Protein backbone atom coordinates (compact mmCIF):
# COMPACT_ATOMS: atom_id res chain seq x y z
CA MET A 1 16.89 15.12 -19.58
CA ILE A 2 14.11 13.07 -17.54
CA LYS A 3 12.31 9.94 -19.10
CA ARG A 4 11.56 6.31 -18.35
CA ALA A 5 14.03 4.13 -18.29
CA THR A 6 15.21 1.94 -20.62
CA PRO A 7 17.26 -1.36 -20.85
CA LEU A 8 19.77 0.60 -21.71
CA TYR A 9 20.12 2.12 -18.29
CA LYS A 10 19.83 -1.20 -16.00
CA LYS A 11 22.89 -1.41 -15.36
CA GLN A 12 23.79 1.89 -14.54
CA ILE A 13 20.25 1.70 -12.85
CA ALA A 14 21.18 -1.47 -10.78
CA SER A 15 24.68 0.48 -9.61
CA LEU A 16 22.88 3.91 -8.30
CA TRP A 17 20.82 1.58 -6.06
CA THR A 18 23.14 -0.47 -4.96
CA ASP A 19 25.26 2.94 -3.36
CA ALA A 20 22.58 4.20 -1.65
CA PHE A 21 20.74 0.72 -0.37
CA GLY A 22 22.83 -1.55 -0.76
CA GLY A 23 22.33 -5.09 -1.77
CA SER A 24 23.31 -7.02 -5.15
CA ARG A 25 22.60 -5.77 -8.83
CA GLU A 26 21.19 -9.63 -8.75
CA GLU A 27 18.32 -8.09 -6.48
CA VAL A 28 17.64 -5.71 -8.64
CA TYR A 29 17.06 -7.37 -11.17
CA GLU A 30 15.15 -9.76 -9.39
CA PHE A 31 13.15 -6.76 -8.21
CA TYR A 32 12.49 -5.91 -11.55
CA LYS A 33 11.10 -9.75 -13.03
CA LYS A 34 8.86 -9.61 -10.09
CA VAL A 35 7.17 -6.67 -9.04
CA CYS A 36 7.30 -4.77 -11.21
CA PRO A 37 8.89 -3.61 -14.49
CA LEU A 38 11.86 -1.02 -16.06
CA LYS A 39 9.53 1.01 -17.74
CA ASN A 40 7.45 2.66 -14.42
CA THR A 41 11.42 3.58 -13.34
CA VAL A 42 11.76 7.33 -13.97
CA VAL A 43 15.90 8.31 -14.44
CA ASP A 44 17.29 11.95 -14.80
CA VAL A 45 20.01 11.46 -17.05
CA SER A 46 22.68 14.13 -18.31
CA PHE A 47 25.71 12.85 -20.38
CA PHE A 48 24.33 9.45 -21.27
CA ARG A 49 24.52 8.63 -17.30
CA VAL A 50 21.78 8.13 -14.75
CA ARG A 51 21.97 10.73 -11.91
CA ALA A 52 18.34 10.25 -9.72
CA MET A 53 16.18 7.95 -10.10
CA ALA A 54 13.06 6.63 -8.82
CA THR A 55 10.59 3.75 -9.23
CA ALA A 56 6.30 3.81 -9.41
CA ILE A 57 4.93 0.93 -8.01
CA PRO A 58 1.44 0.50 -9.95
CA VAL A 59 -0.82 0.32 -6.81
CA LYS A 60 -5.00 -0.17 -6.06
CA ALA A 61 -6.84 1.30 -2.94
CA GLY A 62 -10.39 0.21 -3.35
CA ASP A 63 -11.24 1.72 -7.22
CA TYR A 64 -8.61 4.26 -7.96
CA LYS A 65 -5.23 3.53 -9.00
CA GLY A 66 -1.94 4.95 -7.31
CA GLY A 67 1.67 4.42 -7.21
CA TYR A 68 4.14 3.67 -4.73
CA ILE A 69 6.81 5.23 -5.29
CA TYR A 70 10.17 3.52 -4.49
CA ALA A 71 13.99 3.48 -4.06
CA VAL A 72 14.40 7.88 -4.89
CA ALA A 73 18.03 8.21 -4.96
CA THR A 74 20.23 10.28 -6.29
CA SER A 75 24.09 9.38 -6.98
CA GLU A 76 26.54 11.12 -4.38
CA LYS A 77 27.80 13.78 -6.50
CA HIS A 78 24.12 14.76 -8.34
CA ARG A 79 22.71 15.43 -5.02
CA ASN A 80 21.50 18.80 -3.62
CA GLN A 81 20.52 20.03 -7.61
CA GLY A 82 16.15 19.18 -8.14
CA ARG A 83 17.15 16.40 -9.85
CA CYS A 84 14.89 14.06 -7.17
CA GLY A 85 12.37 16.37 -7.17
CA ARG A 86 12.70 16.36 -10.94
CA VAL A 87 11.56 12.57 -11.00
CA LEU A 88 9.28 13.03 -8.89
CA ASN A 89 6.96 15.76 -10.36
CA TYR A 90 7.50 13.59 -14.12
CA ILE A 91 6.27 10.73 -12.44
CA ASN A 92 3.00 12.38 -11.11
CA ARG A 93 2.11 14.48 -14.23
CA ASN A 94 2.72 11.57 -16.43
CA PHE A 95 1.76 8.33 -15.35
CA ASN A 96 -1.33 7.82 -14.85
CA PHE A 97 -2.28 7.82 -11.89
CA ASP A 98 -5.25 9.38 -9.07
CA PHE A 99 -1.98 9.14 -5.91
CA THR A 100 1.01 8.50 -5.24
CA PHE A 101 2.21 8.08 -1.56
CA LEU A 102 5.76 6.86 -0.52
CA LYS A 103 7.43 5.52 3.35
CA PRO A 104 10.53 8.02 4.06
CA SER A 105 13.44 5.92 5.32
CA GLU A 106 13.65 8.20 8.48
CA GLU A 107 11.76 10.71 9.91
CA SER A 108 13.90 13.84 8.86
CA LEU A 109 13.55 13.18 5.18
CA PHE A 110 9.89 14.54 5.19
CA ARG A 111 10.41 17.92 5.21
CA PHE A 112 11.89 17.00 2.20
CA TYR A 113 8.94 15.56 0.95
CA GLU A 114 7.07 18.00 1.93
CA LYS A 115 8.48 20.32 -1.56
CA TYR A 116 7.24 18.19 -3.41
CA GLY A 117 3.41 17.51 -2.57
CA TYR A 118 3.76 14.86 -0.42
CA THR A 119 1.78 15.23 3.30
CA LYS A 120 2.22 13.37 6.76
CA PRO A 121 -1.15 11.86 7.13
CA MET A 122 -0.08 8.61 8.82
CA TYR A 123 3.33 7.23 10.24
CA ILE A 124 4.86 4.93 12.45
CA PRO A 125 8.02 5.23 13.39
CA ASP A 126 8.64 3.10 15.34
CA CYS A 127 6.73 -1.03 16.08
CA SER A 128 9.84 -1.93 17.78
CA ARG A 129 8.00 -2.78 21.04
CA VAL A 130 5.48 -5.13 19.68
CA ASN A 131 4.84 -8.54 21.02
CA THR A 132 6.31 -10.92 18.48
CA SER A 133 6.16 -13.94 21.34
CA GLY A 134 3.57 -16.49 19.87
CA PHE A 135 4.19 -15.70 15.95
CA GLU A 136 4.33 -18.33 13.20
CA GLU A 137 5.92 -18.73 10.24
CA CYS A 138 2.98 -17.99 7.05
CA SER A 139 2.70 -18.12 3.51
CA ALA A 140 2.36 -14.69 1.42
CA LYS A 141 -0.95 -16.14 0.50
CA GLU A 142 -2.22 -16.57 3.85
CA TYR A 143 -0.34 -13.31 5.27
CA LEU A 144 -2.44 -11.15 2.10
CA ARG A 145 -5.88 -13.02 3.16
CA LEU A 146 -5.84 -11.49 6.32
CA ARG A 147 -3.75 -7.94 5.58
CA ASN A 148 -7.02 -7.81 2.77
CA LYS A 149 -9.38 -8.92 5.32
CA HIS A 150 -8.56 -6.12 7.84
CA LEU A 151 -7.35 -3.10 5.50
CA GLU A 152 -10.65 -2.59 3.84
CA ASN A 153 -10.05 0.44 0.83
CA PHE A 154 -6.40 0.40 1.60
CA VAL A 155 -3.94 0.18 -0.80
CA GLU A 156 -3.41 -3.71 -1.90
CA TRP A 157 -0.54 -5.25 -2.48
CA ASP A 158 -0.73 -8.66 -4.91
CA GLU A 159 1.06 -11.82 -3.96
CA LYS A 160 4.46 -11.47 -5.75
CA THR A 161 4.85 -7.94 -4.26
CA ILE A 162 4.12 -10.25 -0.91
CA GLU A 163 6.63 -13.12 -2.26
CA TYR A 164 9.36 -10.23 -3.27
CA VAL A 165 9.84 -9.18 0.65
CA LEU A 166 9.80 -13.06 1.20
CA THR A 167 12.70 -13.09 -0.74
CA TYR A 168 14.54 -11.36 2.68
CA GLY A 169 11.92 -11.40 5.51
CA LYS A 170 9.79 -13.67 6.82
CA ALA A 171 5.84 -12.88 7.25
CA TYR A 172 4.23 -14.57 10.45
CA LYS A 173 0.46 -14.78 11.63
CA ARG A 174 -0.40 -14.83 15.27
CA GLY A 175 -4.45 -15.19 14.97
CA GLU A 176 -5.81 -12.66 12.64
CA GLU A 177 -2.84 -10.48 13.41
CA ILE A 178 -0.40 -10.17 10.75
CA LEU A 179 3.30 -8.99 10.61
CA LEU A 180 6.05 -8.47 7.99
CA LYS A 181 10.12 -8.41 9.28
CA ASP A 182 13.19 -7.67 7.34
CA ASP A 183 15.49 -9.55 9.47
CA ASP A 184 15.39 -8.22 12.78
CA LYS A 185 13.22 -5.12 11.84
CA ILE A 186 9.33 -4.92 11.33
CA ILE A 187 8.59 -3.82 8.47
CA GLU A 188 4.20 -3.58 8.50
CA TYR A 189 2.41 -4.89 11.41
CA ILE A 190 -1.46 -5.10 11.73
CA PRO A 191 -3.10 -6.05 14.92
CA ALA A 192 -6.66 -8.07 14.84
CA PRO A 193 -9.41 -5.52 14.55
CA SER A 194 -11.16 -5.00 17.91
CA ALA A 195 -15.15 -5.60 18.35
CA ASN A 196 -17.64 -3.59 19.80
CA CYS A 197 -20.52 -5.64 20.36
CA ASP A 198 -21.98 -3.90 23.22
CA GLU A 199 -22.29 -0.60 20.92
CA PRO A 200 -25.00 0.52 18.75
CA MET A 201 -24.69 -1.20 14.92
CA ARG A 202 -22.69 0.88 13.04
CA LEU A 203 -22.26 -0.94 9.01
CA LEU A 204 -20.27 0.35 6.89
CA VAL A 205 -21.17 0.11 3.20
CA SER A 206 -19.12 0.07 1.02
CA SER A 207 -20.05 -0.74 -2.65
CA ILE A 208 -23.76 -2.14 -3.86
CA ASP A 209 -24.28 -5.34 -6.15
CA TYR A 210 -27.91 -6.39 -7.67
CA ASN A 211 -29.07 -9.81 -7.47
CA GLU A 212 -32.43 -10.60 -9.49
CA TYR A 213 -34.19 -12.56 -7.01
CA VAL A 214 -32.60 -10.72 -3.91
CA GLY A 215 -32.71 -7.21 -5.07
CA ARG A 216 -30.27 -4.65 -3.99
CA ILE A 217 -26.77 -5.79 -1.34
CA GLY A 218 -24.59 -3.80 0.50
CA ILE A 219 -21.47 -4.85 1.05
CA GLY A 220 -19.88 -3.67 3.87
CA ARG A 221 -18.17 -3.97 7.14
CA ILE A 222 -19.84 -4.12 10.63
CA GLU A 223 -17.74 -1.36 12.48
CA ARG A 224 -19.56 -1.93 15.92
CA GLY A 225 -22.02 -3.42 17.52
CA THR A 226 -24.14 -6.72 15.84
CA VAL A 227 -25.66 -6.85 13.02
CA LYS A 228 -29.12 -9.89 12.52
CA VAL A 229 -32.46 -10.51 11.13
CA ASN A 230 -35.03 -8.52 10.74
CA GLN A 231 -33.00 -5.74 12.21
CA GLU A 232 -34.47 -1.78 12.18
CA VAL A 233 -31.74 0.08 11.11
CA CYS A 234 -31.51 3.62 9.88
CA ILE A 235 -29.45 4.53 6.15
CA THR A 236 -27.56 8.03 6.39
CA ASN A 237 -26.17 9.14 3.01
CA TYR A 238 -22.91 11.65 4.71
CA HIS A 239 -21.89 12.34 1.09
CA THR A 240 -24.90 14.37 0.22
CA GLY A 241 -25.86 14.41 3.72
CA ALA A 242 -29.48 13.32 2.53
CA ALA A 243 -32.27 12.79 5.77
CA PRO A 244 -31.70 9.13 7.44
CA LYS A 245 -33.69 6.27 5.87
CA LYS A 246 -36.11 3.54 8.04
CA THR A 247 -35.66 0.20 6.32
CA ARG A 248 -35.14 -3.24 7.41
CA ILE A 249 -32.06 -6.66 7.18
CA VAL A 250 -33.96 -8.75 5.18
CA SER A 251 -31.25 -10.82 5.05
CA LEU A 252 -27.69 -12.09 5.96
CA TYR A 253 -24.73 -13.36 3.83
CA GLN A 254 -20.77 -13.76 4.22
CA ILE A 255 -18.06 -12.93 1.78
CA ASP A 256 -16.17 -16.61 1.66
CA GLY A 257 -12.40 -16.03 0.54
C-alpha cells in the first residue's frame, strides 16, 4: 500500500534511511523537525512494514511550486519489485506540485529515473577541481543572500534548509563565489557572475511592478552591456513574437536586499 507517512511509521522510516544513507536516527528526526514535515514522505507498506520511501521537500522556482525528491530508498530484500517507482508516481500524481526534480547519488542511476519520466537537463558530476583557496566560512543567511542574487528563477532554498545542511557541512564564500561542502565533498558551487560590459545591452525582464507616480516598472537582470538613463532601447517579447517596440530608459532603481 502506498500512502503518506504518519508518526506510526517514523521509527521504521528512520531505520530504512540510516540503512540506505548512513547517519543516525537522531539526524533523521532532526531533518523532519527543521526541513520537511513527516507527511511529505511517502511510503510503500506491506505487512505493516515500510519497504520503500521518498520525501518531497517543497521548493519554489519563480512563480512555480515544486518538490525536491529526497532520500529515495528501498529495503535491500524488496528491491527490483517496482516499489520505488510506485512511490515516485504517487508523489507526482497526488502532491500539488508544478514540477518535481531529484539529484541521483551516482551517474548510473540516471537511467533508472528516466523510466519514471525524469530527464537529465543539467548535471555537473564532479566539482572536485574547483580551486577552494581563499574561501572563507560564511553563515547560512549570507550564503542564501548570494545564492538568490546569482540564481534568478532557479530553485529557491530557504534559510532553514541551508542551516540543516550546515549541521554536517559548511558554507564558504570568496567574493561573489559561494560553495557548500560536506566534509571534503563539494555539494554546490556557484561561481561569480561574469560581466560583458562591452557588448550591446540586453536586460531580461522577469516581472512588472507599478507605481502611481512612476508608472510601470520592469524588474530584471542585465545579462550583458550597461544601461543608463535616457538610453534608447528596444522591447521584444519572445513569448508572443510581437514586433519590437522602441522606448527610452526614464529612470533606474536598484533592489537592496
